[in-house]
Amino acid sequence: MNSPILENSVLIAVNGTLMQGLELNKNLLQVGAKFIRETHTDSNYRLWSINDRHPGMLRSENGGKEIHLEIWELSPEGLVTILHQEPPGLCLGHIALSDGKNILGILAEPYLVENQKEITKWGGWRDYIVSR
């Protein structure tokens, strides 16, 4: 599905509970965000389950894999609202996509993944949830 990018909007990549049909997707919908497409990171990302509540993703030069993402379009004000609603330790950063482009997206601060279960091998939060 392609949608024209509106003036005064931003694109954001999400990799967990903000994705379609999952627990916090309503947060995107409430700020008028529009789903653009599914994609993947490049192969330099690792993913952890944070207490089986949501994922935390970090860029890594070792042990990484492509991680499934969704791209959403929303207003800058909507982005601020979304960031304030995210669990502590999740933040906005640059994510390299498999097509070589970069996009803003949700990442984890390194402390958040300490002593958590690494789920990189599943390639995404949805596939990890199904495996449980």
N, C-alpha and C. Protein backbone atom coordinates (compact mmCIF):
# COMPACT_ATOMS: atom_id res chain seq x y z
N MET A 1 0.85 -1.16 0.00
CA MET A 1 0.00 0.00 0.00
C MET A 1 0.90 1.23 0.00
N ASN A 2 0.67 2.11 -0.93
CA ASN A 2 1.42 3.36 -0.96
C ASN A 2 0.46 4.51 -0.73
N SER A 3 0.97 5.52 -0.07
CA SER A 3 0.18 6.69 0.24
C SER A 3 1.07 7.90 -0.01
N PRO A 4 0.54 8.98 -0.58
CA PRO A 4 1.39 10.15 -0.77
C PRO A 4 1.80 10.72 0.59
N ILE A 5 3.04 11.20 0.66
CA ILE A 5 3.52 11.81 1.88
C ILE A 5 3.02 13.25 1.91
N LEU A 6 2.34 13.59 2.97
CA LEU A 6 1.75 14.91 3.10
C LEU A 6 2.79 15.93 3.52
N GLU A 7 2.57 17.16 3.14
CA GLU A 7 3.43 18.25 3.60
C GLU A 7 3.30 18.36 5.11
N ASN A 8 4.39 18.72 5.78
CA ASN A 8 4.40 18.85 7.24
C ASN A 8 4.12 17.54 7.96
N SER A 9 4.62 16.45 7.43
CA SER A 9 4.48 15.16 8.09
C SER A 9 5.85 14.50 8.18
N VAL A 10 5.92 13.48 9.01
CA VAL A 10 7.15 12.70 9.17
C VAL A 10 6.83 11.23 9.02
N LEU A 11 7.84 10.48 8.63
CA LEU A 11 7.72 9.03 8.57
C LEU A 11 8.45 8.46 9.77
N ILE A 12 7.89 7.40 10.33
CA ILE A 12 8.50 6.73 11.47
C ILE A 12 8.40 5.22 11.28
N ALA A 13 9.47 4.53 11.66
CA ALA A 13 9.49 3.06 11.61
C ALA A 13 9.19 2.53 13.00
N VAL A 14 8.28 1.57 13.08
CA VAL A 14 7.95 0.93 14.35
C VAL A 14 8.20 -0.57 14.24
N ASN A 15 8.60 -1.18 15.36
CA ASN A 15 8.98 -2.59 15.31
C ASN A 15 8.32 -3.44 16.38
N GLY A 16 7.30 -2.92 17.05
CA GLY A 16 6.71 -3.69 18.15
C GLY A 16 5.24 -3.43 18.32
N THR A 17 4.84 -3.09 19.53
CA THR A 17 3.43 -3.00 19.89
C THR A 17 2.67 -1.87 19.20
N LEU A 18 3.38 -0.97 18.50
CA LEU A 18 2.69 0.06 17.71
C LEU A 18 2.24 -0.48 16.35
N MET A 19 2.68 -1.68 15.98
CA MET A 19 2.34 -2.24 14.67
C MET A 19 0.85 -2.57 14.58
N GLN A 20 0.36 -2.65 13.35
CA GLN A 20 -1.05 -2.93 13.08
C GLN A 20 -1.55 -4.14 13.86
N GLY A 21 -2.70 -3.96 14.52
CA GLY A 21 -3.35 -5.05 15.22
C GLY A 21 -2.75 -5.37 16.58
N LEU A 22 -1.70 -4.66 16.99
CA LEU A 22 -1.08 -4.95 18.28
C LEU A 22 -1.51 -3.92 19.33
N GLU A 23 -1.12 -4.15 20.55
CA GLU A 23 -1.62 -3.45 21.73
C GLU A 23 -1.62 -1.92 21.65
N LEU A 24 -0.54 -1.31 21.19
CA LEU A 24 -0.47 0.15 21.19
C LEU A 24 -0.70 0.79 19.83
N ASN A 25 -1.14 0.01 18.84
CA ASN A 25 -1.42 0.58 17.52
C ASN A 25 -2.46 1.69 17.61
N LYS A 26 -3.36 1.58 18.57
CA LYS A 26 -4.38 2.62 18.76
C LYS A 26 -3.75 3.99 19.00
N ASN A 27 -2.55 4.02 19.59
CA ASN A 27 -1.87 5.30 19.81
C ASN A 27 -1.57 5.99 18.49
N LEU A 28 -1.13 5.22 17.49
CA LEU A 28 -0.88 5.79 16.17
C LEU A 28 -2.19 6.26 15.52
N LEU A 29 -3.19 5.43 15.60
CA LEU A 29 -4.47 5.76 14.97
C LEU A 29 -5.10 6.99 15.60
N GLN A 30 -4.95 7.16 16.92
CA GLN A 30 -5.55 8.31 17.61
C GLN A 30 -4.91 9.64 17.20
N VAL A 31 -3.68 9.62 16.70
CA VAL A 31 -3.06 10.87 16.24
C VAL A 31 -3.16 11.03 14.72
N GLY A 32 -3.97 10.17 14.09
CA GLY A 32 -4.21 10.29 12.65
C GLY A 32 -3.10 9.75 11.77
N ALA A 33 -2.26 8.88 12.33
CA ALA A 33 -1.17 8.30 11.54
C ALA A 33 -1.74 7.42 10.44
N LYS A 34 -0.99 7.36 9.32
CA LYS A 34 -1.39 6.52 8.18
C LYS A 34 -0.32 5.46 7.94
N PHE A 35 -0.78 4.22 7.81
CA PHE A 35 0.13 3.13 7.48
C PHE A 35 0.64 3.32 6.06
N ILE A 36 1.97 3.20 5.87
CA ILE A 36 2.56 3.35 4.54
C ILE A 36 2.94 2.00 3.96
N ARG A 37 3.78 1.24 4.69
CA ARG A 37 4.20 -0.06 4.15
C ARG A 37 4.96 -0.86 5.20
N GLU A 38 5.15 -2.13 4.89
CA GLU A 38 6.01 -3.00 5.68
C GLU A 38 7.38 -3.03 5.03
N THR A 39 8.41 -3.21 5.84
CA THR A 39 9.78 -3.29 5.33
C THR A 39 10.64 -3.97 6.38
N HIS A 40 11.96 -3.89 6.21
CA HIS A 40 12.92 -4.47 7.16
C HIS A 40 14.07 -3.50 7.36
N THR A 41 14.73 -3.65 8.50
CA THR A 41 15.98 -2.93 8.72
C THR A 41 17.05 -3.56 7.84
N ASP A 42 18.24 -2.96 7.81
CA ASP A 42 19.36 -3.68 7.22
C ASP A 42 19.75 -4.79 8.20
N SER A 43 20.78 -5.53 7.92
CA SER A 43 21.10 -6.72 8.73
C SER A 43 21.94 -6.42 9.97
N ASN A 44 21.93 -5.19 10.43
CA ASN A 44 22.75 -4.81 11.60
C ASN A 44 21.93 -4.48 12.84
N TYR A 45 20.82 -5.15 13.04
CA TYR A 45 19.99 -4.85 14.21
C TYR A 45 19.75 -6.11 15.03
N ARG A 46 19.63 -5.90 16.32
CA ARG A 46 19.31 -6.97 17.26
C ARG A 46 18.07 -6.56 18.04
N LEU A 47 17.32 -7.57 18.49
CA LEU A 47 16.02 -7.34 19.12
C LEU A 47 15.94 -8.13 20.42
N TRP A 48 15.38 -7.51 21.46
CA TRP A 48 15.18 -8.15 22.76
C TRP A 48 13.72 -8.03 23.16
N SER A 49 13.25 -9.01 23.93
CA SER A 49 11.94 -8.93 24.55
C SER A 49 12.12 -8.28 25.91
N ILE A 50 11.43 -7.18 26.13
CA ILE A 50 11.51 -6.49 27.40
C ILE A 50 10.38 -6.98 28.29
N ASN A 51 10.73 -7.96 29.14
CA ASN A 51 9.76 -8.58 30.06
C ASN A 51 8.52 -9.12 29.34
N ASP A 52 8.68 -9.53 28.08
CA ASP A 52 7.58 -10.04 27.25
C ASP A 52 6.42 -9.05 27.11
N ARG A 53 6.72 -7.75 27.28
CA ARG A 53 5.70 -6.71 27.12
C ARG A 53 5.84 -5.99 25.79
N HIS A 54 7.10 -5.75 25.36
CA HIS A 54 7.37 -5.04 24.11
C HIS A 54 8.82 -5.31 23.74
N PRO A 55 9.19 -5.05 22.48
CA PRO A 55 10.58 -5.28 22.08
C PRO A 55 11.44 -4.04 22.30
N GLY A 56 12.73 -4.29 22.29
CA GLY A 56 13.73 -3.22 22.29
C GLY A 56 14.73 -3.55 21.20
N MET A 57 14.98 -2.63 20.29
CA MET A 57 15.87 -2.87 19.15
C MET A 57 17.06 -1.93 19.21
N LEU A 58 18.24 -2.49 18.91
CA LEU A 58 19.48 -1.72 18.86
C LEU A 58 20.25 -2.07 17.61
N ARG A 59 20.98 -1.10 17.09
CA ARG A 59 21.91 -1.35 15.98
C ARG A 59 23.14 -2.03 16.55
N SER A 60 23.66 -3.03 15.83
CA SER A 60 24.82 -3.77 16.30
C SER A 60 25.64 -4.23 15.10
N GLU A 61 26.94 -4.11 15.20
CA GLU A 61 27.81 -4.57 14.13
C GLU A 61 28.04 -6.08 14.21
N ASN A 62 27.60 -6.72 15.30
CA ASN A 62 27.80 -8.16 15.48
C ASN A 62 26.49 -8.84 15.85
N GLY A 63 26.19 -9.93 15.19
CA GLY A 63 25.03 -10.73 15.55
C GLY A 63 23.70 -10.18 15.10
N GLY A 64 23.71 -9.23 14.19
CA GLY A 64 22.47 -8.62 13.76
C GLY A 64 21.76 -9.40 12.67
N LYS A 65 20.57 -8.93 12.37
CA LYS A 65 19.70 -9.56 11.38
C LYS A 65 18.72 -8.49 10.89
N GLU A 66 18.10 -8.71 9.74
CA GLU A 66 17.02 -7.82 9.31
C GLU A 66 15.83 -8.00 10.25
N ILE A 67 15.27 -6.90 10.70
CA ILE A 67 14.12 -6.92 11.62
C ILE A 67 12.92 -6.30 10.90
N HIS A 68 11.79 -6.97 11.03
CA HIS A 68 10.55 -6.52 10.39
C HIS A 68 10.07 -5.21 11.00
N LEU A 69 9.65 -4.28 10.14
CA LEU A 69 9.16 -2.96 10.55
C LEU A 69 7.90 -2.59 9.80
N GLU A 70 7.21 -1.61 10.33
CA GLU A 70 6.15 -0.93 9.60
C GLU A 70 6.52 0.56 9.54
N ILE A 71 6.22 1.19 8.42
CA ILE A 71 6.44 2.62 8.24
C ILE A 71 5.08 3.31 8.33
N TRP A 72 5.04 4.35 9.15
CA TRP A 72 3.82 5.15 9.34
C TRP A 72 4.13 6.62 9.08
N GLU A 73 3.13 7.33 8.59
CA GLU A 73 3.21 8.77 8.37
C GLU A 73 2.33 9.48 9.38
N LEU A 74 2.87 10.54 10.00
CA LEU A 74 2.10 11.29 10.97
C LEU A 74 2.62 12.71 11.08
N SER A 75 1.88 13.53 11.76
CA SER A 75 2.29 14.93 11.95
C SER A 75 3.41 14.98 12.98
N PRO A 76 4.22 16.05 12.95
CA PRO A 76 5.24 16.21 13.99
C PRO A 76 4.64 16.22 15.40
N GLU A 77 3.48 16.85 15.55
CA GLU A 77 2.80 16.86 16.85
C GLU A 77 2.39 15.46 17.26
N GLY A 78 1.92 14.67 16.30
CA GLY A 78 1.54 13.29 16.58
C GLY A 78 2.74 12.46 17.01
N LEU A 79 3.89 12.71 16.39
CA LEU A 79 5.10 12.00 16.76
C LEU A 79 5.47 12.28 18.22
N VAL A 80 5.39 13.53 18.62
CA VAL A 80 5.69 13.90 20.01
C VAL A 80 4.73 13.16 20.95
N THR A 81 3.45 13.13 20.61
CA THR A 81 2.46 12.43 21.43
C THR A 81 2.82 10.96 21.56
N ILE A 82 3.16 10.33 20.44
CA ILE A 82 3.53 8.90 20.43
C ILE A 82 4.74 8.67 21.32
N LEU A 83 5.76 9.50 21.19
CA LEU A 83 6.98 9.31 21.98
C LEU A 83 6.69 9.42 23.48
N HIS A 84 5.81 10.32 23.86
CA HIS A 84 5.45 10.45 25.28
C HIS A 84 4.68 9.24 25.80
N GLN A 85 4.05 8.49 24.90
CA GLN A 85 3.27 7.32 25.30
C GLN A 85 4.08 6.03 25.29
N GLU A 86 5.29 6.07 24.76
CA GLU A 86 6.12 4.87 24.68
C GLU A 86 6.65 4.49 26.07
N PRO A 87 6.89 3.19 26.29
CA PRO A 87 7.45 2.77 27.58
C PRO A 87 8.82 3.41 27.81
N PRO A 88 9.19 3.63 29.07
CA PRO A 88 10.50 4.20 29.39
C PRO A 88 11.62 3.36 28.78
N GLY A 89 12.63 4.06 28.26
CA GLY A 89 13.78 3.38 27.67
C GLY A 89 13.70 3.25 26.16
N LEU A 90 12.54 3.53 25.58
CA LEU A 90 12.41 3.55 24.13
C LEU A 90 12.55 4.99 23.67
N CYS A 91 13.19 5.18 22.53
CA CYS A 91 13.51 6.53 22.09
C CYS A 91 13.51 6.60 20.56
N LEU A 92 13.64 7.79 20.05
CA LEU A 92 13.68 8.04 18.62
C LEU A 92 15.12 8.05 18.15
N GLY A 93 15.38 7.38 17.03
CA GLY A 93 16.72 7.36 16.46
C GLY A 93 16.65 7.09 14.97
N HIS A 94 17.81 7.04 14.33
CA HIS A 94 17.88 6.74 12.90
C HIS A 94 18.00 5.24 12.70
N ILE A 95 17.23 4.70 11.77
CA ILE A 95 17.23 3.28 11.45
C ILE A 95 17.58 3.12 9.98
N ALA A 96 18.55 2.25 9.70
CA ALA A 96 18.93 1.94 8.32
C ALA A 96 18.02 0.83 7.80
N LEU A 97 17.40 1.08 6.65
CA LEU A 97 16.50 0.11 6.05
C LEU A 97 17.24 -0.81 5.08
N SER A 98 16.61 -1.93 4.77
CA SER A 98 17.22 -2.91 3.86
C SER A 98 17.43 -2.35 2.46
N ASP A 99 16.69 -1.30 2.08
CA ASP A 99 16.86 -0.70 0.75
C ASP A 99 17.95 0.38 0.74
N GLY A 100 18.66 0.55 1.86
CA GLY A 100 19.74 1.52 1.94
C GLY A 100 19.33 2.90 2.43
N LYS A 101 18.03 3.15 2.55
CA LYS A 101 17.55 4.44 3.05
C LYS A 101 17.60 4.45 4.58
N ASN A 102 17.55 5.65 5.15
CA ASN A 102 17.47 5.83 6.60
C ASN A 102 16.15 6.50 6.94
N ILE A 103 15.63 6.16 8.13
CA ILE A 103 14.35 6.70 8.57
C ILE A 103 14.39 6.84 10.08
N LEU A 104 13.59 7.76 10.61
CA LEU A 104 13.43 7.84 12.05
C LEU A 104 12.64 6.63 12.52
N GLY A 105 12.97 6.14 13.70
CA GLY A 105 12.25 5.00 14.21
C GLY A 105 12.46 4.82 15.70
N ILE A 106 11.75 3.86 16.25
CA ILE A 106 11.79 3.58 17.68
C ILE A 106 12.93 2.59 17.97
N LEU A 107 13.83 3.01 18.84
CA LEU A 107 14.96 2.19 19.27
C LEU A 107 14.95 2.10 20.80
N ALA A 108 15.79 1.21 21.33
CA ALA A 108 15.92 1.08 22.79
C ALA A 108 17.21 1.73 23.25
N GLU A 109 17.16 2.31 24.43
CA GLU A 109 18.39 2.74 25.06
C GLU A 109 19.10 1.46 25.53
N PRO A 110 20.43 1.41 25.46
CA PRO A 110 21.16 0.17 25.78
C PRO A 110 20.83 -0.43 27.15
N TYR A 111 20.62 0.40 28.17
CA TYR A 111 20.33 -0.16 29.49
C TYR A 111 19.07 -1.02 29.50
N LEU A 112 18.14 -0.72 28.62
CA LEU A 112 16.85 -1.39 28.62
C LEU A 112 16.97 -2.88 28.29
N VAL A 113 17.94 -3.25 27.47
CA VAL A 113 18.04 -4.65 27.03
C VAL A 113 18.91 -5.52 27.95
N GLU A 114 19.57 -4.88 28.93
CA GLU A 114 20.42 -5.66 29.84
C GLU A 114 19.58 -6.70 30.57
N ASN A 115 20.08 -7.93 30.58
CA ASN A 115 19.43 -9.06 31.26
C ASN A 115 18.05 -9.40 30.71
N GLN A 116 17.78 -9.03 29.46
CA GLN A 116 16.51 -9.37 28.81
C GLN A 116 16.76 -10.47 27.77
N LYS A 117 15.70 -11.13 27.35
CA LYS A 117 15.81 -12.23 26.39
C LYS A 117 16.01 -11.68 24.99
N GLU A 118 17.11 -12.11 24.34
CA GLU A 118 17.33 -11.68 22.96
C GLU A 118 16.44 -12.51 22.04
N ILE A 119 15.76 -11.82 21.12
CA ILE A 119 14.82 -12.48 20.21
C ILE A 119 15.15 -12.18 18.75
N THR A 120 16.37 -11.78 18.49
CA THR A 120 16.79 -11.42 17.13
C THR A 120 16.49 -12.53 16.13
N LYS A 121 16.71 -13.78 16.52
CA LYS A 121 16.55 -14.91 15.58
C LYS A 121 15.15 -15.00 14.99
N TRP A 122 14.15 -14.43 15.65
CA TRP A 122 12.79 -14.46 15.11
C TRP A 122 12.58 -13.39 14.05
N GLY A 123 13.43 -12.38 13.98
CA GLY A 123 13.33 -11.36 12.94
C GLY A 123 12.23 -10.34 13.14
N GLY A 124 11.57 -10.37 14.29
CA GLY A 124 10.53 -9.39 14.54
C GLY A 124 9.67 -9.77 15.73
N TRP A 125 9.00 -8.78 16.27
CA TRP A 125 8.17 -8.96 17.45
C TRP A 125 6.99 -9.89 17.17
N ARG A 126 6.34 -9.74 16.03
CA ARG A 126 5.18 -10.58 15.70
C ARG A 126 5.55 -12.06 15.66
N ASP A 127 6.65 -12.38 15.00
CA ASP A 127 7.07 -13.78 14.92
C ASP A 127 7.48 -14.32 16.28
N TYR A 128 8.06 -13.48 17.11
CA TYR A 128 8.40 -13.91 18.47
C TYR A 128 7.12 -14.22 19.25
N ILE A 129 6.12 -13.34 19.17
CA ILE A 129 4.86 -13.55 19.89
C ILE A 129 4.24 -14.89 19.49
N VAL A 130 4.23 -15.17 18.19
CA VAL A 130 3.65 -16.44 17.70
C VAL A 130 4.40 -17.63 18.26
N SER A 131 5.72 -17.49 18.44
CA SER A 131 6.54 -18.62 18.92
C SER A 131 6.29 -18.96 20.39
N ARG A 132 5.74 -18.01 21.14
CA ARG A 132 5.55 -18.26 22.57
C ARG A 132 4.49 -19.27 22.74
